[in-house]
Amino acid sequence: LKEKQSEIQALNLSYAPCTELSMGMSNDYQLAAEAGASFVRIGTKLVGKEE
């Protein structure tokens, strides 16, 4: 995804700047961070599973 983000940014589209990259969740947040994610969803790690 990081590679695709770079390709889109290179197009310099004013309507799609593609400045953020959201990927990963509680179970793979470390991989997402290593891959260059701007945002990672870690709700379960913070508040636990929904009952």
N, C-alpha and C. Protein backbone atom coordinates (compact mmCIF):
# COMPACT_ATOMS: atom_id res chain seq x y z
N LEU A 1 0.81 -1.20 0.00
CA LEU A 1 0.00 0.00 0.00
C LEU A 1 0.85 1.26 0.00
N LYS A 2 1.97 1.21 0.70
CA LYS A 2 2.86 2.38 0.75
C LYS A 2 3.36 2.70 -0.66
N GLU A 3 3.66 1.69 -1.42
CA GLU A 3 4.11 1.88 -2.81
C GLU A 3 3.01 2.51 -3.66
N LYS A 4 1.79 2.03 -3.50
CA LYS A 4 0.65 2.58 -4.25
C LYS A 4 0.41 4.04 -3.83
N GLN A 5 0.56 4.33 -2.56
CA GLN A 5 0.41 5.71 -2.08
C GLN A 5 1.42 6.63 -2.78
N SER A 6 2.64 6.18 -2.90
CA SER A 6 3.67 6.98 -3.58
C SER A 6 3.31 7.22 -5.04
N GLU A 7 2.78 6.20 -5.69
CA GLU A 7 2.37 6.35 -7.09
C GLU A 7 1.27 7.40 -7.24
N ILE A 8 0.30 7.35 -6.34
CA ILE A 8 -0.80 8.32 -6.40
C ILE A 8 -0.30 9.72 -6.09
N GLN A 9 0.57 9.85 -5.10
CA GLN A 9 1.13 11.16 -4.77
C GLN A 9 1.90 11.75 -5.95
N ALA A 10 2.59 10.91 -6.69
CA ALA A 10 3.37 11.37 -7.84
C ALA A 10 2.49 11.97 -8.93
N LEU A 11 1.22 11.59 -8.96
CA LEU A 11 0.28 12.15 -9.94
C LEU A 11 -0.11 13.59 -9.59
N ASN A 12 0.15 13.99 -8.34
CA ASN A 12 -0.11 15.36 -7.89
C ASN A 12 -1.55 15.80 -8.15
N LEU A 13 -2.50 14.96 -7.76
CA LEU A 13 -3.92 15.24 -7.96
C LEU A 13 -4.44 16.09 -6.80
N SER A 14 -4.95 17.27 -7.09
CA SER A 14 -5.43 18.15 -6.03
C SER A 14 -6.61 17.55 -5.26
N TYR A 15 -7.42 16.74 -5.92
CA TYR A 15 -8.59 16.14 -5.28
C TYR A 15 -8.27 14.83 -4.54
N ALA A 16 -7.06 14.33 -4.68
CA ALA A 16 -6.67 13.08 -4.01
C ALA A 16 -5.21 13.14 -3.60
N PRO A 17 -4.90 13.96 -2.59
CA PRO A 17 -3.50 14.11 -2.20
C PRO A 17 -2.87 12.84 -1.60
N CYS A 18 -3.70 11.96 -1.07
CA CYS A 18 -3.23 10.67 -0.53
C CYS A 18 -2.08 10.87 0.47
N THR A 19 -2.32 11.74 1.45
CA THR A 19 -1.28 12.05 2.43
C THR A 19 -1.28 11.11 3.62
N GLU A 20 -2.35 10.37 3.82
CA GLU A 20 -2.45 9.46 4.96
C GLU A 20 -2.62 8.03 4.48
N LEU A 21 -2.14 7.11 5.30
CA LEU A 21 -2.24 5.69 4.96
C LEU A 21 -2.73 4.94 6.20
N SER A 22 -3.94 4.42 6.14
CA SER A 22 -4.54 3.71 7.27
C SER A 22 -4.54 2.22 6.97
N MET A 23 -3.88 1.46 7.82
CA MET A 23 -3.87 0.01 7.67
C MET A 23 -3.51 -0.63 8.99
N GLY A 24 -3.94 -1.85 9.18
CA GLY A 24 -3.63 -2.59 10.39
C GLY A 24 -4.69 -2.43 11.47
N MET A 25 -4.67 -3.39 12.39
CA MET A 25 -5.58 -3.39 13.54
C MET A 25 -4.80 -3.92 14.74
N SER A 26 -5.49 -4.16 15.84
CA SER A 26 -4.83 -4.57 17.08
C SER A 26 -3.89 -5.76 16.90
N ASN A 27 -4.28 -6.73 16.09
CA ASN A 27 -3.47 -7.95 15.96
C ASN A 27 -2.24 -7.79 15.08
N ASP A 28 -2.16 -6.74 14.27
CA ASP A 28 -0.99 -6.58 13.39
C ASP A 28 -0.49 -5.14 13.31
N TYR A 29 -0.74 -4.38 14.38
CA TYR A 29 -0.37 -2.97 14.37
C TYR A 29 1.13 -2.74 14.17
N GLN A 30 1.96 -3.63 14.69
CA GLN A 30 3.41 -3.46 14.53
C GLN A 30 3.81 -3.56 13.07
N LEU A 31 3.26 -4.53 12.35
CA LEU A 31 3.54 -4.66 10.92
C LEU A 31 3.07 -3.44 10.15
N ALA A 32 1.90 -2.94 10.50
CA ALA A 32 1.36 -1.76 9.83
C ALA A 32 2.26 -0.56 10.05
N ALA A 33 2.72 -0.38 11.27
CA ALA A 33 3.62 0.74 11.58
C ALA A 33 4.93 0.61 10.80
N GLU A 34 5.47 -0.59 10.75
CA GLU A 34 6.71 -0.82 10.00
C GLU A 34 6.51 -0.57 8.50
N ALA A 35 5.30 -0.79 8.01
CA ALA A 35 5.00 -0.60 6.59
C ALA A 35 4.70 0.86 6.26
N GLY A 36 4.67 1.73 7.28
CA GLY A 36 4.49 3.15 7.03
C GLY A 36 3.09 3.69 7.23
N ALA A 37 2.27 3.00 8.01
CA ALA A 37 0.90 3.47 8.25
C ALA A 37 0.89 4.79 9.00
N SER A 38 -0.01 5.67 8.61
CA SER A 38 -0.23 6.93 9.34
C SER A 38 -1.21 6.69 10.49
N PHE A 39 -2.15 5.79 10.27
CA PHE A 39 -3.18 5.45 11.25
C PHE A 39 -3.27 3.94 11.38
N VAL A 40 -3.45 3.48 12.64
CA VAL A 40 -3.65 2.06 12.91
C VAL A 40 -4.80 1.94 13.91
N ARG A 41 -5.72 1.02 13.68
CA ARG A 41 -6.85 0.82 14.58
C ARG A 41 -6.46 -0.19 15.67
N ILE A 42 -6.37 0.28 16.91
CA ILE A 42 -5.95 -0.59 18.01
C ILE A 42 -6.96 -0.61 19.16
N GLY A 43 -8.21 -0.45 18.84
CA GLY A 43 -9.26 -0.40 19.86
C GLY A 43 -9.27 -1.57 20.82
N THR A 44 -9.20 -2.79 20.31
CA THR A 44 -9.26 -3.97 21.17
C THR A 44 -8.09 -4.00 22.15
N LYS A 45 -6.92 -3.59 21.73
CA LYS A 45 -5.76 -3.55 22.63
C LYS A 45 -5.96 -2.52 23.74
N LEU A 46 -6.70 -1.46 23.45
CA LEU A 46 -6.92 -0.40 24.43
C LEU A 46 -8.08 -0.67 25.38
N VAL A 47 -9.20 -1.14 24.86
CA VAL A 47 -10.41 -1.28 25.68
C VAL A 47 -10.92 -2.71 25.80
N GLY A 48 -10.30 -3.65 25.15
CA GLY A 48 -10.74 -5.04 25.22
C GLY A 48 -11.82 -5.36 24.20
N LYS A 49 -12.19 -6.64 24.18
CA LYS A 49 -13.21 -7.09 23.23
C LYS A 49 -14.59 -6.69 23.70
N GLU A 50 -15.46 -6.45 22.73
CA GLU A 50 -16.84 -6.10 23.04
C GLU A 50 -17.57 -7.34 23.53
N GLU A 51 -18.33 -7.19 24.58
CA GLU A 51 -19.08 -8.32 25.17
C GLU A 51 -20.42 -8.48 24.52
